[in-house]
Protein backbone atom coordinates (compact mmCIF):
# COMPACT_ATOMS: atom_id res chain seq x y z
CA UNK A 1 138.22 -237.64 23.59
CA UNK A 2 138.58 -238.74 19.96
CA UNK A 3 135.92 -240.31 17.81
CA UNK A 4 137.28 -243.88 18.04
CA UNK A 5 137.15 -243.82 21.86
CA UNK A 6 133.56 -242.62 21.79
CA UNK A 7 132.59 -245.44 19.43
CA UNK A 8 134.37 -247.97 21.67
CA UNK A 9 132.57 -246.73 24.79
CA UNK A 10 129.21 -246.85 23.03
CA UNK A 11 129.95 -250.40 21.84
CA UNK A 12 130.89 -251.49 25.38
CA UNK A 13 127.68 -249.97 26.78
CA UNK A 14 125.60 -251.79 24.15
CA UNK A 15 127.30 -255.12 24.88
CA UNK A 16 126.79 -254.69 28.63
CA UNK A 17 123.12 -253.78 28.06
CA UNK A 18 122.65 -256.83 25.85
CA UNK A 19 124.24 -259.14 28.42
CA UNK A 20 122.04 -257.64 31.14
CA UNK A 21 118.93 -258.13 29.01
CA UNK A 22 119.80 -261.77 28.27
CA UNK A 23 120.57 -262.45 31.92
CA UNK A 24 117.26 -260.91 32.99
CA UNK A 25 115.40 -263.04 30.45
CA UNK A 26 117.14 -266.16 31.74
CA UNK A 27 116.26 -265.19 35.30
CA UNK A 28 112.63 -264.64 34.38
CA UNK A 29 112.43 -268.01 32.66
CA UNK A 30 114.30 -269.92 35.34
CA UNK A 31 113.01 -268.40 38.56
CA UNK A 32 109.85 -266.38 37.95
CA UNK A 33 106.79 -268.61 37.64
CA UNK A 34 104.15 -267.35 35.22
CA UNK A 35 100.70 -267.46 36.80
CA UNK A 36 98.47 -270.05 35.16
CA UNK A 37 95.23 -268.69 33.70
CA UNK A 38 92.14 -268.97 35.92
CA UNK A 39 88.70 -269.54 34.39
CA UNK A 40 85.67 -268.27 36.27
CA UNK A 41 82.46 -270.09 35.36
CA UNK A 42 79.11 -268.70 36.50
CA UNK A 43 76.32 -271.28 36.47
CA UNK A 44 72.78 -270.00 36.74
CA UNK A 45 71.14 -271.01 40.01
CA UNK A 46 74.25 -272.85 41.22
CA UNK A 47 77.09 -270.37 41.72
CA UNK A 48 80.72 -269.85 40.75
CA UNK A 49 83.30 -272.44 39.74
CA UNK A 50 86.98 -271.55 39.31
CA UNK A 51 89.29 -273.65 37.17
CA UNK A 52 93.07 -273.40 36.89
CA UNK A 53 94.25 -274.10 33.34
CA UNK A 54 97.61 -275.72 32.51
CA UNK A 55 99.14 -274.27 29.33
CA UNK A 56 102.43 -276.06 29.97
CA UNK A 57 100.59 -279.39 29.69
CA UNK A 58 98.20 -278.73 26.81
CA UNK A 59 99.11 -275.34 25.26
CA UNK A 60 96.87 -275.34 22.19
CA UNK A 61 93.92 -276.79 24.11
CA UNK A 62 94.23 -274.04 26.70
CA UNK A 63 94.60 -271.38 24.00
CA UNK A 64 91.42 -272.63 22.34
CA UNK A 65 89.45 -272.59 25.59
CA UNK A 66 90.72 -269.14 26.58
CA UNK A 67 89.94 -267.72 23.15
CA UNK A 68 86.41 -269.14 23.05
CA UNK A 69 85.66 -268.14 26.65
CA UNK A 70 86.91 -264.57 26.42
CA UNK A 71 85.03 -264.00 23.18
CA UNK A 72 81.79 -265.00 24.92
CA UNK A 73 81.25 -268.29 23.10
CA UNK A 74 80.20 -270.25 26.19
CA UNK A 75 77.84 -267.62 27.58
CA UNK A 76 74.31 -269.03 27.69
CA UNK A 77 75.26 -272.60 26.78
CA UNK A 78 74.40 -275.58 28.98
CA UNK A 79 75.62 -278.76 30.58
CA UNK A 80 73.71 -280.98 28.18
CA UNK A 81 75.10 -284.33 29.35
CA UNK A 82 75.44 -285.53 32.94
CA UNK A 83 76.63 -288.97 34.04
CA UNK A 84 76.60 -289.51 37.79
CA UNK A 85 79.89 -290.71 39.29
CA UNK A 86 81.65 -289.90 36.02
CA UNK A 87 81.42 -286.36 34.59
CA UNK A 88 79.30 -283.41 33.46
CA UNK A 89 79.66 -282.16 29.88
CA UNK A 90 78.93 -278.78 28.31
CA UNK A 91 80.06 -276.21 25.75
CA UNK A 92 77.93 -277.28 22.78
CA UNK A 93 76.08 -274.45 21.03
CA UNK A 94 73.50 -276.92 19.71
CA UNK A 95 72.81 -278.16 23.23
CA UNK A 96 72.73 -281.82 22.26
CA UNK A 97 76.34 -282.84 21.69
CA UNK A 98 76.35 -282.31 17.92
CA UNK A 99 77.66 -278.74 17.73
CA UNK A 100 81.07 -277.51 16.60
CA UNK A 101 82.72 -274.10 16.92
CA UNK A 102 83.42 -272.07 13.78
CA UNK A 103 86.45 -270.00 12.85
CA UNK A 104 84.34 -266.88 13.32
CA UNK A 105 83.98 -267.86 16.99
CA UNK A 106 87.71 -267.37 17.57
CA UNK A 107 88.70 -264.65 15.10
CA UNK A 108 87.34 -261.60 13.30
CA UNK A 109 86.89 -260.94 9.59
CA UNK A 110 86.69 -264.59 8.51
CA UNK A 111 86.08 -264.81 4.76
CA UNK A 112 85.46 -268.54 4.45
CA UNK A 113 83.87 -269.60 7.71
CA UNK A 114 83.82 -273.29 8.60
CA UNK A 115 83.62 -275.62 11.55
CA UNK A 116 86.97 -276.40 13.10
CA UNK A 117 88.61 -278.82 15.52
CA UNK A 118 91.96 -278.93 17.32
CA UNK A 119 94.60 -281.62 17.47
CA UNK A 120 94.22 -283.86 20.52
CA UNK A 121 97.04 -283.22 22.99
CA UNK A 122 97.27 -286.62 24.62
CA UNK A 123 99.58 -289.63 24.55
CA UNK A 124 97.59 -291.92 22.25
CA UNK A 125 97.74 -289.16 19.63
CA UNK A 126 101.54 -288.93 19.74
CA UNK A 127 101.66 -286.05 22.24
CA UNK A 128 103.67 -287.07 25.30
CA UNK A 129 103.71 -283.85 27.38
CA UNK A 130 100.22 -284.33 28.81
CA UNK A 131 100.34 -286.62 31.84
CA UNK A 132 97.42 -285.05 33.68
CA UNK A 133 95.19 -287.80 35.05
CA UNK A 134 91.42 -287.76 34.78
CA UNK A 135 90.74 -287.36 38.47
CA UNK A 136 87.90 -285.63 40.28
CA UNK A 137 87.74 -281.96 39.27
CA UNK A 138 89.87 -282.25 36.12
CA UNK A 139 88.51 -280.55 33.00
CA UNK A 140 89.10 -282.26 29.66
CA UNK A 141 88.03 -281.91 26.03
CA UNK A 142 85.16 -284.00 24.68
CA UNK A 143 85.71 -285.55 21.25
CA UNK A 144 84.21 -288.04 18.84
CA UNK A 145 85.10 -291.67 18.27
CA UNK A 146 84.63 -292.95 14.73
CA UNK A 147 86.69 -296.14 15.08
CA UNK A 148 83.54 -298.29 15.27
CA UNK A 149 82.78 -297.27 11.67
CA UNK A 150 86.28 -297.89 10.37
CA UNK A 151 89.74 -298.53 11.81
CA UNK A 152 90.96 -295.88 9.37
CA UNK A 153 89.11 -293.16 11.29
CA UNK A 154 91.03 -293.32 14.56
CA UNK A 155 92.93 -290.07 13.89
CA UNK A 156 89.72 -288.28 12.91
CA UNK A 157 88.30 -289.10 16.34
CA UNK A 158 91.47 -288.16 18.19
CA UNK A 159 91.47 -284.75 16.50
CA UNK A 160 87.75 -283.96 16.72
CA UNK A 161 87.60 -281.77 19.86
CA UNK A 162 86.29 -278.25 19.34
CA UNK A 163 84.45 -276.47 22.13
CA UNK A 164 82.81 -279.18 24.24
CA UNK A 165 84.44 -280.01 27.57
CA UNK A 166 83.70 -282.18 30.55
CA UNK A 167 84.53 -281.98 34.24
CA UNK A 168 85.28 -285.18 36.11
CA UNK A 169 83.20 -286.00 39.20
CA UNK A 170 85.12 -289.20 39.93
CA UNK A 171 88.56 -290.61 39.14
CA UNK A 172 88.42 -292.49 35.81
CA UNK A 173 91.75 -293.92 34.74
CA UNK A 174 90.41 -295.33 31.44
CA UNK A 175 90.43 -291.78 29.99
CA UNK A 176 94.09 -291.14 30.81
CA UNK A 177 96.17 -290.66 27.68
CA UNK A 178 93.21 -290.74 25.29
CA UNK A 179 91.51 -287.42 26.10
CA UNK A 180 93.09 -283.97 26.42
CA UNK A 181 92.87 -282.95 30.07
CA UNK A 182 93.92 -279.31 30.50
CA UNK A 183 93.01 -277.96 33.94
CA UNK A 184 91.39 -278.59 37.32
CA UNK A 185 88.65 -277.09 39.48
CA UNK A 186 90.10 -275.10 42.39
CA UNK A 187 86.84 -273.70 43.79
CA UNK A 188 83.24 -274.86 43.52
CA UNK A 189 83.63 -278.61 43.27
CA UNK A 190 80.55 -278.89 45.47
CA UNK A 191 78.60 -277.19 42.67
CA UNK A 192 79.84 -279.73 40.12
CA UNK A 193 78.68 -282.57 42.38
CA UNK A 194 75.34 -280.85 42.88
CA UNK A 195 74.82 -280.74 39.12
CA UNK A 196 75.41 -284.47 38.77
CA UNK A 197 72.47 -285.04 41.13
CA UNK A 198 69.89 -283.22 38.98
CA UNK A 199 66.80 -284.89 37.52
CA UNK A 200 67.42 -286.80 34.30
CA UNK A 201 65.18 -287.57 31.34
CA UNK A 202 63.38 -290.90 31.84
CA UNK A 203 64.15 -291.99 28.26
CA UNK A 204 67.67 -290.57 28.03
CA UNK A 205 69.43 -291.10 31.36
CA UNK A 206 72.32 -288.78 30.40
CA UNK A 207 70.10 -285.84 29.43
CA UNK A 208 69.08 -283.42 32.21
CA UNK A 209 65.42 -282.43 32.35
CA UNK A 210 66.55 -278.85 32.99
CA UNK A 211 70.13 -278.51 31.70
CA UNK A 212 72.14 -276.10 33.92
CA UNK A 213 72.93 -272.87 32.08
CA UNK A 214 76.46 -271.49 31.92
CA UNK A 215 75.81 -267.78 32.38
CA UNK A 216 79.41 -266.94 31.49
CA UNK A 217 82.99 -268.14 31.39
CA UNK A 218 85.82 -265.61 31.56
CA UNK A 219 89.53 -266.33 31.87
CA UNK A 220 92.06 -264.17 33.72
CA UNK A 221 95.34 -264.60 31.83
CA UNK A 222 97.45 -262.32 34.06
CA UNK A 223 98.77 -260.34 31.13
CA UNK A 224 99.68 -263.29 28.93
CA UNK A 225 98.34 -263.18 25.37
CA UNK A 226 97.50 -266.77 24.40
CA UNK A 227 96.53 -265.74 20.90
CA UNK A 228 94.47 -267.91 18.56
CA UNK A 229 94.56 -271.72 18.54
CA UNK A 230 95.93 -273.83 15.72
CA UNK A 231 92.93 -275.41 14.03
CA UNK A 232 92.04 -278.27 11.72
CA UNK A 233 89.11 -278.64 9.35
CA UNK A 234 86.31 -280.53 11.09
CA UNK A 235 85.76 -284.10 9.90
CA UNK A 236 82.36 -284.56 8.24
CA UNK A 237 81.18 -288.05 9.17
CA UNK A 238 78.02 -287.73 7.06
CA UNK A 239 80.09 -286.93 3.97
CA UNK A 240 82.30 -289.93 4.77
CA UNK A 241 79.24 -292.19 4.90
CA UNK A 242 77.99 -290.81 1.58
CA UNK A 243 81.32 -291.50 -0.12
CA UNK A 244 81.56 -294.93 1.49
CA UNK A 245 78.15 -296.06 0.28
CA UNK A 246 78.75 -294.54 -3.15
CA UNK A 247 81.90 -296.64 -3.49
CA UNK A 248 79.96 -299.75 -2.40
CA UNK A 249 77.33 -299.22 -5.09
CA UNK A 250 80.03 -299.24 -7.79
CA UNK A 251 80.81 -302.82 -6.85
């Protein structure tokens, strides 16, 4: 067998191997369903809640939640806000709704640490892939709303979610398309309803007397590496107020 024939045979083998590889990849994509990540939330004194996350609906939101959870960010935090027949909210490291995650919470060796947010993956923010409704059991990202201060701050509110999330206890259509829903409770919905029945502060009817503690949240990704979320610099409302009033003084 001469050299040219050997080269030809090798080339044919490589082409066949490449075609086989491409066909297998197409098959995997078309017919093999990737298992959605499952979050397991342990709540002290209440039990276990399991939540299926939907990366095909809100990919960056899911990536952010997975990253924070599996790095232990949520461990020891609380459900600081509870509204009966609406939702329960948690995931704030300050425990009062004012906290934001920092870059060091999602990555190592951060030189210039700062608070961050993620872009809101919902229709009102120009993202049309998220059609998940805010029904009982759905988990969604909490965010700010600065539009009452200025109509120019709508985008800042839309893109202000960081680590805080809420779980719906009742269908609420008014949130559809304006908050980033990204998963749903599959086990332990009775625990969520039990939490919404806890004793509330007499002066602040949305503040639990004894906020339920999230012992841990871990996410099984079934071998998928969701990486690190795309982030934005957190909007500083206090700095905005300072600049606003400074500009008013000039006139």
